[in-house]
């Protein structure tokens, strides 16, 4: 994954967690834990790579920290898939 972009599109502040689940050891790791984003703020990861292996996944979790309502958080990423032939 070469780009990860997360934005808060709601009118309420939200806490953002970005969690990487590693299937190889059945463990979740926080990439970001509890980052507060106000309306219109964003986080952008670029210039580095997250290498996901078979069964790995990234989740974006949000909680509302100011007022009522459900947080409206959007995220997108750019990934490249590399095929490694058996025996190669």
PDB file of N, CA and C in Angstrom:
ATOM      1  N   UNK A   1       0.859  -1.155   0.000  1.00  0.00           N
ATOM      2  CA  UNK A   1       0.000   0.000   0.000  1.00  0.00           C
ATOM      3  C   UNK A   1       0.913   1.227   0.000  1.00  0.00           C
ATOM      4  N   UNK A   2       0.764   2.054  -1.019  1.00  0.00           N
ATOM      5  CA  UNK A   2       1.640   3.213  -1.136  1.00  0.00           C
ATOM      6  C   UNK A   2       0.977   4.527  -0.721  1.00  0.00           C
ATOM      7  N   UNK A   3      -0.349   4.523  -0.564  1.00  0.00           N
ATOM      8  CA  UNK A   3      -1.064   5.731  -0.154  1.00  0.00           C
ATOM      9  C   UNK A   3      -2.264   5.334   0.692  1.00  0.00           C
ATOM     10  N   UNK A   4      -2.440   6.038   1.804  1.00  0.00           N
ATOM     11  CA  UNK A   4      -3.623   5.875   2.646  1.00  0.00           C
ATOM     12  C   UNK A   4      -4.073   7.273   3.031  1.00  0.00           C
ATOM     13  N   UNK A   5      -5.326   7.598   2.723  1.00  0.00           N
ATOM     14  CA  UNK A   5      -5.882   8.927   2.968  1.00  0.00           C
ATOM     15  C   UNK A   5      -7.175   8.764   3.742  1.00  0.00           C
ATOM     16  N   UNK A   6      -7.294   9.472   4.873  1.00  0.00           N
ATOM     17  CA  UNK A   6      -8.469   9.381   5.736  1.00  0.00           C
ATOM     18  C   UNK A   6      -8.931  10.800   6.035  1.00  0.00           C
ATOM     19  N   UNK A   7     -10.240  11.055   5.909  1.00  0.00           N
ATOM     20  CA  UNK A   7     -10.769  12.387   6.212  1.00  0.00           C
ATOM     21  C   UNK A   7     -12.037  12.290   7.046  1.00  0.00           C
ATOM     22  N   UNK A   8     -12.268  13.295   7.861  1.00  0.00           N
ATOM     23  CA  UNK A   8     -13.500  13.393   8.642  1.00  0.00           C
ATOM     24  C   UNK A   8     -14.451  14.308   7.889  1.00  0.00           C
ATOM     25  N   UNK A   9     -15.518  13.742   7.332  1.00  0.00           N
ATOM     26  CA  UNK A   9     -16.491  14.502   6.547  1.00  0.00           C
ATOM     27  C   UNK A   9     -17.722  14.872   7.362  1.00  0.00           C
ATOM     28  N   UNK A  10     -17.735  14.546   8.655  1.00  0.00           N
ATOM     29  CA  UNK A  10     -18.910  14.849   9.469  1.00  0.00           C
ATOM     30  C   UNK A  10     -18.738  16.190  10.164  1.00  0.00           C
ATOM     31  N   UNK A  11     -19.796  16.630  10.807  1.00  0.00           N
ATOM     32  CA  UNK A  11     -19.740  17.901  11.533  1.00  0.00           C
ATOM     33  C   UNK A  11     -19.246  17.709  12.961  1.00  0.00           C
ATOM     34  N   UNK A  12     -19.003  16.475  13.352  1.00  0.00           N
ATOM     35  CA  UNK A  12     -18.523  16.172  14.700  1.00  0.00           C
ATOM     36  C   UNK A  12     -17.083  15.666  14.658  1.00  0.00           C
ATOM     37  N   UNK A  13     -16.353  15.926  15.712  1.00  0.00           N
ATOM     38  CA  UNK A  13     -14.997  15.393  15.821  1.00  0.00           C
ATOM     39  C   UNK A  13     -15.060  13.878  15.982  1.00  0.00           C
ATOM     40  N   UNK A  14     -14.045  13.206  15.477  1.00  0.00           N
ATOM     41  CA  UNK A  14     -13.979  11.754  15.565  1.00  0.00           C
ATOM     42  C   UNK A  14     -12.569  11.327  15.939  1.00  0.00           C
ATOM     43  N   UNK A  15     -12.471  10.260  16.720  1.00  0.00           N
ATOM     44  CA  UNK A  15     -11.180   9.626  16.969  1.00  0.00           C
ATOM     45  C   UNK A  15     -10.996   8.531  15.937  1.00  0.00           C
ATOM     46  N   UNK A  16      -9.812   8.475  15.354  1.00  0.00           N
ATOM     47  CA  UNK A  16      -9.511   7.541  14.279  1.00  0.00           C
ATOM     48  C   UNK A  16      -8.474   6.527  14.760  1.00  0.00           C
ATOM     49  N   UNK A  17      -8.741   5.261  14.502  1.00  0.00           N
ATOM     50  CA  UNK A  17      -7.757   4.199  14.690  1.00  0.00           C
ATOM     51  C   UNK A  17      -7.527   3.539  13.340  1.00  0.00           C
ATOM     52  N   UNK A  18      -6.266   3.338  12.992  1.00  0.00           N
ATOM     53  CA  UNK A  18      -5.901   2.577  11.800  1.00  0.00           C
ATOM     54  C   UNK A  18      -5.198   1.332  12.317  1.00  0.00           C
ATOM     55  N   UNK A  19      -5.767   0.167  11.996  1.00  0.00           N
ATOM     56  CA  UNK A  19      -5.282  -1.091  12.568  1.00  0.00           C
ATOM     57  C   UNK A  19      -4.896  -2.046  11.437  1.00  0.00           C
ATOM     58  N   UNK A  20      -3.722  -2.640  11.589  1.00  0.00           N
ATOM     59  CA  UNK A  20      -3.203  -3.611  10.619  1.00  0.00           C
ATOM     60  C   UNK A  20      -3.302  -4.988  11.243  1.00  0.00           C
ATOM     61  N   UNK A  21      -4.097  -5.857  10.629  1.00  0.00           N
ATOM     62  CA  UNK A  21      -4.181  -7.247  11.086  1.00  0.00           C
ATOM     63  C   UNK A  21      -3.175  -8.070  10.303  1.00  0.00           C
ATOM     64  N   UNK A  22      -2.256  -8.720  11.013  1.00  0.00           N
ATOM     65  CA  UNK A  22      -1.234  -9.579  10.396  1.00  0.00           C
ATOM     66  C   UNK A  22      -1.642 -11.025  10.572  1.00  0.00           C
ATOM     67  N   UNK A  23      -1.985 -11.657   9.475  1.00  0.00           N
ATOM     68  CA  UNK A  23      -2.446 -13.043   9.514  1.00  0.00           C
ATOM     69  C   UNK A  23      -1.344 -13.999   9.959  1.00  0.00           C
ATOM     70  N   UNK A  24      -0.088 -13.684   9.646  1.00  0.00           N
ATOM     71  CA  UNK A  24       1.024 -14.585   9.971  1.00  0.00           C
ATOM     72  C   UNK A  24       1.120 -14.868  11.465  1.00  0.00           C
ATOM     73  N   UNK A  25       0.796 -13.879  12.293  1.00  0.00           N
ATOM     74  CA  UNK A  25       0.842 -14.097  13.743  1.00  0.00           C
ATOM     75  C   UNK A  25      -0.504 -13.845  14.422  1.00  0.00           C
ATOM     76  N   UNK A  26      -1.578 -13.719  13.629  1.00  0.00           N
ATOM     77  CA  UNK A  26      -2.948 -13.521  14.137  1.00  0.00           C
ATOM     78  C   UNK A  26      -3.026 -12.397  15.163  1.00  0.00           C
ATOM     79  N   UNK A  27      -2.366 -11.280  14.852  1.00  0.00           N
ATOM     80  CA  UNK A  27      -2.295 -10.152  15.774  1.00  0.00           C
ATOM     81  C   UNK A  27      -2.640  -8.856  15.044  1.00  0.00           C
ATOM     82  N   UNK A  28      -3.298  -7.943  15.750  1.00  0.00           N
ATOM     83  CA  UNK A  28      -3.593  -6.620  15.212  1.00  0.00           C
ATOM     84  C   UNK A  28      -2.624  -5.599  15.792  1.00  0.00           C
ATOM     85  N   UNK A  29      -2.173  -4.688  14.942  1.00  0.00           N
ATOM     86  CA  UNK A  29      -1.226  -3.640  15.340  1.00  0.00           C
ATOM     87  C   UNK A  29      -1.811  -2.278  14.989  1.00  0.00           C
ATOM     88  N   UNK A  30      -1.720  -1.337  15.923  1.00  0.00           N
ATOM     89  CA  UNK A  30      -2.177   0.023  15.665  1.00  0.00           C
ATOM     90  C   UNK A  30      -1.123   0.758  14.850  1.00  0.00           C
ATOM     91  N   UNK A  31      -1.533   1.281  13.703  1.00  0.00           N
ATOM     92  CA  UNK A  31      -0.689   2.206  12.959  1.00  0.00           C
ATOM     93  C   UNK A  31      -0.942   3.609  13.495  1.00  0.00           C
ATOM     94  N   UNK A  32      -2.217   3.904  13.768  1.00  0.00           N
ATOM     95  CA  UNK A  32      -2.626   5.140  14.450  1.00  0.00           C
ATOM     96  C   UNK A  32      -3.632   4.738  15.509  1.00  0.00           C
ATOM     97  N   UNK A  33      -3.505   5.280  16.682  1.00  0.00           N
ATOM     98  CA  UNK A  33      -4.456   5.002  17.747  1.00  0.00           C
ATOM     99  C   UNK A  33      -4.971   6.278  18.376  1.00  0.00           C
ATOM    100  N   UNK A  34      -6.276   6.551  18.218  1.00  0.00           N
ATOM    101  CA  UNK A  34      -6.908   7.669  18.905  1.00  0.00           C
ATOM    102  C   UNK A  34      -6.574   9.044  18.364  1.00  0.00           C
ATOM    103  N   UNK A  35      -6.265   9.168  17.081  1.00  0.00           N
ATOM    104  CA  UNK A  35      -6.006  10.483  16.486  1.00  0.00           C
ATOM    105  C   UNK A  35      -7.329  11.210  16.307  1.00  0.00           C
ATOM    106  N   UNK A  36      -7.460  12.383  16.904  1.00  0.00           N
ATOM    107  CA  UNK A  36      -8.692  13.150  16.820  1.00  0.00           C
ATOM    108  C   UNK A  36      -8.683  14.010  15.567  1.00  0.00           C
ATOM    109  N   UNK A  37      -9.740  13.882  14.769  1.00  0.00           N
ATOM    110  CA  UNK A  37      -9.887  14.693  13.562  1.00  0.00           C
ATOM    111  C   UNK A  37     -11.149  15.529  13.675  1.00  0.00           C
ATOM    112  N   UNK A  38     -11.014  16.836  13.527  1.00  0.00           N
ATOM    113  CA  UNK A  38     -12.174  17.722  13.464  1.00  0.00           C
ATOM    114  C   UNK A  38     -12.732  17.692  12.052  1.00  0.00           C
ATOM    115  N   UNK A  39     -13.883  18.319  11.857  1.00  0.00           N
ATOM    116  CA  UNK A  39     -14.508  18.351  10.538  1.00  0.00           C
ATOM    117  C   UNK A  39     -13.529  18.890   9.497  1.00  0.00           C
ATOM    118  N   UNK A  40     -13.389  18.170   8.395  1.00  0.00           N
ATOM    119  CA  UNK A  40     -12.535  18.610   7.293  1.00  0.00           C
ATOM    120  C   UNK A  40     -11.067  18.269   7.436  1.00  0.00           C
ATOM    121  N   UNK A  41     -10.616  17.809   8.588  1.00  0.00           N
ATOM    122  CA  UNK A  41      -9.213  17.429   8.742  1.00  0.00           C
ATOM    123  C   UNK A  41      -8.961  16.077   8.089  1.00  0.00           C
ATOM    124  N   UNK A  42      -7.689  15.815   7.781  1.00  0.00           N
ATOM    125  CA  UNK A  42      -7.346  14.557   7.136  1.00  0.00           C
ATOM    126  C   UNK A  42      -5.966  14.078   7.573  1.00  0.00           C
ATOM    127  N   UNK A  43      -5.728  12.807   7.309  1.00  0.00           N
ATOM    128  CA  UNK A  43      -4.424  12.175   7.508  1.00  0.00           C
ATOM    129  C   UNK A  43      -4.044  11.583   6.158  1.00  0.00           C
ATOM    130  N   UNK A  44      -2.802  11.791   5.750  1.00  0.00           N
ATOM    131  CA  UNK A  44      -2.340  11.212   4.489  1.00  0.00           C
ATOM    132  C   UNK A  44      -0.992  10.537   4.717  1.00  0.00           C
ATOM    133  N   UNK A  45      -0.931   9.243   4.402  1.00  0.00           N
ATOM    134  CA  UNK A  45       0.316   8.494   4.423  1.00  0.00           C
ATOM    135  C   UNK A  45       0.752   8.305   2.979  1.00  0.00           C
ATOM    136  N   UNK A  46       1.896   8.847   2.630  1.00  0.00           N
ATOM    137  CA  UNK A  46       2.458   8.583   1.312  1.00  0.00           C
ATOM    138  C   UNK A  46       3.978   8.630   1.436  1.00  0.00           C
ATOM    139  N   UNK A  47       4.650   8.155   0.428  1.00  0.00           N
ATOM    140  CA  UNK A  47       6.109   8.148   0.471  1.00  0.00           C
ATOM    141  C   UNK A  47       6.696   6.959   1.208  1.00  0.00           C
ATOM    142  N   UNK A  48       5.866   6.095   1.696  1.00  0.00           N
ATOM    143  CA  UNK A  48       6.343   4.866   2.330  1.00  0.00           C
ATOM    144  C   UNK A  48       5.393   3.745   1.936  1.00  0.00           C
ATOM    145  N   UNK A  49       5.779   2.531   2.204  1.00  0.00           N
ATOM    146  CA  UNK A  49       4.978   1.388   1.777  1.00  0.00           C
ATOM    147  C   UNK A  49       4.634   0.492   2.949  1.00  0.00           C
ATOM    148  N   UNK A  50       3.414   0.025   2.971  1.00  0.00           N
ATOM    149  CA  UNK A  50       2.990  -1.019   3.896  1.00  0.00           C
ATOM    150  C   UNK A  50       2.873  -2.283   3.051  1.00  0.00           C
ATOM    151  N   UNK A  51       3.605  -3.313   3.425  1.00  0.00           N
ATOM    152  CA  UNK A  51       3.594  -4.557   2.656  1.00  0.00           C
ATOM    153  C   UNK A  51       2.647  -5.530   3.335  1.00  0.00           C
ATOM    154  N   UNK A  52       1.522  -5.777   2.664  1.00  0.00           N
ATOM    155  CA  UNK A  52       0.536  -6.719   3.174  1.00  0.00           C
ATOM    156  C   UNK A  52       0.791  -8.085   2.558  1.00  0.00           C
ATOM    157  N   UNK A  53       0.677  -9.102   3.380  1.00  0.00           N
ATOM    158  CA  UNK A  53       0.834 -10.467   2.900  1.00  0.00           C
ATOM    159  C   UNK A  53      -0.527 -11.146   2.886  1.00  0.00           C
ATOM    160  N   UNK A  54      -0.580 -12.348   2.349  1.00  0.00           N
ATOM    161  CA  UNK A  54      -1.852 -13.074   2.234  1.00  0.00           C
ATOM    162  C   UNK A  54      -2.561 -13.120   3.584  1.00  0.00           C
ATOM    163  N   UNK A  55      -3.838 -12.708   3.601  1.00  0.00           N
ATOM    164  CA  UNK A  55      -4.640 -12.725   4.820  1.00  0.00           C
ATOM    165  C   UNK A  55      -4.561 -11.454   5.649  1.00  0.00           C
ATOM    166  N   UNK A  56      -3.607 -10.565   5.367  1.00  0.00           N
ATOM    167  CA  UNK A  56      -3.495  -9.294   6.092  1.00  0.00           C
ATOM    168  C   UNK A  56      -4.578  -8.328   5.631  1.00  0.00           C
ATOM    169  N   UNK A  57      -4.969  -7.417   6.522  1.00  0.00           N
ATOM    170  CA  UNK A  57      -5.885  -6.354   6.117  1.00  0.00           C
ATOM    171  C   UNK A  57      -5.729  -5.155   7.040  1.00  0.00           C
ATOM    172  N   UNK A  58      -6.189  -4.010   6.548  1.00  0.00           N
ATOM    173  CA  UNK A  58      -6.172  -2.739   7.283  1.00  0.00           C
ATOM    174  C   UNK A  58      -7.613  -2.355   7.577  1.00  0.00           C
ATOM    175  N   UNK A  59      -7.896  -1.932   8.814  1.00  0.00           N
ATOM    176  CA  UNK A  59      -9.221  -1.411   9.140  1.00  0.00           C
ATOM    177  C   UNK A  59      -9.094   0.026   9.627  1.00  0.00           C
ATOM    178  N   UNK A  60     -10.120   0.809   9.326  1.00  0.00           N
ATOM    179  CA  UNK A  60     -10.231   2.186   9.807  1.00  0.00           C
ATOM    180  C   UNK A  60     -11.406   2.191  10.771  1.00  0.00           C
ATOM    181  N   UNK A  61     -11.149   2.533  12.032  1.00  0.00           N
ATOM    182  CA  UNK A  61     -12.189   2.533  13.055  1.00  0.00           C
ATOM    183  C   UNK A  61     -12.383   3.962  13.546  1.00  0.00           C
ATOM    184  N   UNK A  62     -13.642   4.368  13.734  1.00  0.00           N
ATOM    185  CA  UNK A  62     -13.922   5.718  14.218  1.00  0.00           C
ATOM    186  C   UNK A  62     -14.862   5.682  15.409  1.00  0.00           C
ATOM    187  N   UNK A  63     -14.711   6.665  16.275  1.00  0.00           N
ATOM    188  CA  UNK A  63     -15.653   6.880  17.369  1.00  0.00           C
ATOM    189  C   UNK A  63     -15.969   8.369  17.412  1.00  0.00           C
ATOM    190  N   UNK A  64     -17.201   8.689  17.735  1.00  0.00           N
ATOM    191  CA  UNK A  64     -17.633  10.071  17.836  1.00  0.00           C
ATOM    192  C   UNK A  64     -17.221  10.615  19.202  1.00  0.00           C
ATOM    193  N   UNK A  65     -16.515  11.752  19.206  1.00  0.00           N
ATOM    194  CA  UNK A  65     -16.052  12.317  20.469  1.00  0.00           C
ATOM    195  C   UNK A  65     -16.731  13.618  20.841  1.00  0.00           C
ATOM    196  N   UNK A  66     -17.536  14.176  19.936  1.00  0.00           N
ATOM    197  CA  UNK A  66     -18.161  15.475  20.223  1.00  0.00           C
ATOM    198  C   UNK A  66     -19.609  15.463  19.764  1.00  0.00           C
ATOM    199  N   UNK A  67     -20.512  15.265  20.702  1.00  0.00           N
ATOM    200  CA  UNK A  67     -21.924  15.343  20.358  1.00  0.00           C
ATOM    201  C   UNK A  67     -22.489  14.009  19.922  1.00  0.00           C
ATOM    202  N   UNK A  68     -23.676  14.090  19.346  1.00  0.00           N
ATOM    203  CA  UNK A  68     -24.364  12.873  18.921  1.00  0.00           C
ATOM    204  C   UNK A  68     -24.167  12.661  17.429  1.00  0.00           C
ATOM    205  N   UNK A  69     -24.611  11.543  16.979  1.00  0.00           N
ATOM    206  CA  UNK A  69     -24.514  11.233  15.565  1.00  0.00           C
ATOM    207  C   UNK A  69     -23.384  10.260  15.278  1.00  0.00           C
ATOM    208  N   UNK A  70     -23.436   9.730  14.095  1.00  0.00           N
ATOM    209  CA  UNK A  70     -22.436   8.752  13.671  1.00  0.00           C
ATOM    210  C   UNK A  70     -21.330   9.484  12.922  1.00  0.00           C
ATOM    211  N   UNK A  71     -20.078   9.195  13.245  1.00  0.00           N
ATOM    212  CA  UNK A  71     -18.990   9.851  12.511  1.00  0.00           C
ATOM    213  C   UNK A  71     -19.031   9.475  11.034  1.00  0.00           C
ATOM    214  N   UNK A  72     -18.747  10.425  10.170  1.00  0.00           N
ATOM    215  CA  UNK A  72     -18.705  10.192   8.726  1.00  0.00           C
ATOM    216  C   UNK A  72     -17.254  10.311   8.287  1.00  0.00           C
ATOM    217  N   UNK A  73     -16.565   9.189   8.290  1.00  0.00           N
ATOM    218  CA  UNK A  73     -15.156   9.153   7.951  1.00  0.00           C
ATOM    219  C   UNK A  73     -14.984   8.417   6.636  1.00  0.00           C
ATOM    220  N   UNK A  74     -14.227   9.009   5.739  1.00  0.00           N
ATOM    221  CA  UNK A  74     -13.956   8.391   4.448  1.00  0.00           C
ATOM    222  C   UNK A  74     -12.476   8.051   4.365  1.00  0.00           C
ATOM    223  N   UNK A  75     -12.182   6.956   3.669  1.00  0.00           N
ATOM    224  CA  UNK A  75     -10.792   6.541   3.489  1.00  0.00           C
ATOM    225  C   UNK A  75     -10.629   5.934   2.109  1.00  0.00           C
ATOM    226  N   UNK A  76      -9.454   6.121   1.542  1.00  0.00           N
ATOM    227  CA  UNK A  76      -9.111   5.393   0.321  1.00  0.00           C
ATOM    228  C   UNK A  76      -7.618   5.127   0.315  1.00  0.00           C
ATOM    229  N   UNK A  77      -7.238   4.156  -0.473  1.00  0.00           N
ATOM    230  CA  UNK A  77      -5.822   3.788  -0.529  1.00  0.00           C
ATOM    231  C   UNK A  77      -5.447   3.386  -1.949  1.00  0.00           C
ATOM    232  N   UNK A  78      -4.161   3.382  -2.186  1.00  0.00           N
ATOM    233  CA  UNK A  78      -3.603   2.905  -3.445  1.00  0.00           C
ATOM    234  C   UNK A  78      -2.747   1.693  -3.130  1.00  0.00           C
ATOM    235  N   UNK A  79      -2.995   0.607  -3.847  1.00  0.00           N
ATOM    236  CA  UNK A  79      -2.212  -0.609  -3.630  1.00  0.00           C
ATOM    237  C   UNK A  79      -1.697  -1.132  -4.965  1.00  0.00           C
ATOM    238  N   UNK A  80      -0.588  -1.831  -4.893  1.00  0.00           N
ATOM    239  CA  UNK A  80      -0.028  -2.525  -6.039  1.00  0.00           C
ATOM    240  C   UNK A  80       0.109  -3.983  -5.658  1.00  0.00           C
ATOM    241  N   UNK A  81      -0.263  -4.855  -6.570  1.00  0.00           N
ATOM    242  CA  UNK A  81      -0.131  -6.278  -6.307  1.00  0.00           C
ATOM    243  C   UNK A  81       1.033  -6.815  -7.135  1.00  0.00           C
ATOM    244  N   UNK A  82       1.905  -7.550  -6.472  1.00  0.00           N
ATOM    245  CA  UNK A  82       3.052  -8.148  -7.137  1.00  0.00           C
ATOM    246  C   UNK A  82       2.893  -9.657  -7.144  1.00  0.00           C
ATOM    247  N   UNK A  83       3.029 -10.239  -8.300  1.00  0.00           N
ATOM    248  CA  UNK A  83       2.913 -11.679  -8.445  1.00  0.00           C
ATOM    249  C   UNK A  83       4.295 -12.296  -8.311  1.00  0.00           C
ATOM    250  N   UNK A  84       4.421 -13.198  -7.366  1.00  0.00           N
ATOM    251  CA  UNK A  84       5.663 -13.915  -7.172  1.00  0.00           C
ATOM    252  C   UNK A  84       5.431 -15.363  -7.579  1.00  0.00           C
ATOM    253  N   UNK A  85       6.025 -15.779  -8.695  1.00  0.00           N
ATOM    254  CA  UNK A  85       5.791 -17.149  -9.165  1.00  0.00           C
ATOM    255  C   UNK A  85       6.318 -18.182  -8.164  1.00  0.00           C
ATOM    256  N   UNK A  86       5.672 -19.311  -8.116  1.00  0.00           N
ATOM    257  CA  UNK A  86       6.120 -20.396  -7.249  1.00  0.00           C
ATOM    258  C   UNK A  86       7.528 -20.778  -7.670  1.00  0.00           C
ATOM    259  N   UNK A  87       8.429 -20.844  -6.679  1.00  0.00           N
ATOM    260  CA  UNK A  87       9.819 -21.185  -6.950  1.00  0.00           C
ATOM    261  C   UNK A  87      10.649 -19.995  -7.394  1.00  0.00           C
ATOM    262  N   UNK A  88      10.035 -18.780  -7.386  1.00  0.00           N
ATOM    263  CA  UNK A  88      10.756 -17.612  -7.884  1.00  0.00           C
ATOM    264  C   UNK A  88      11.156 -16.655  -6.894  1.00  0.00           C
TER     265      UNK A  88
END
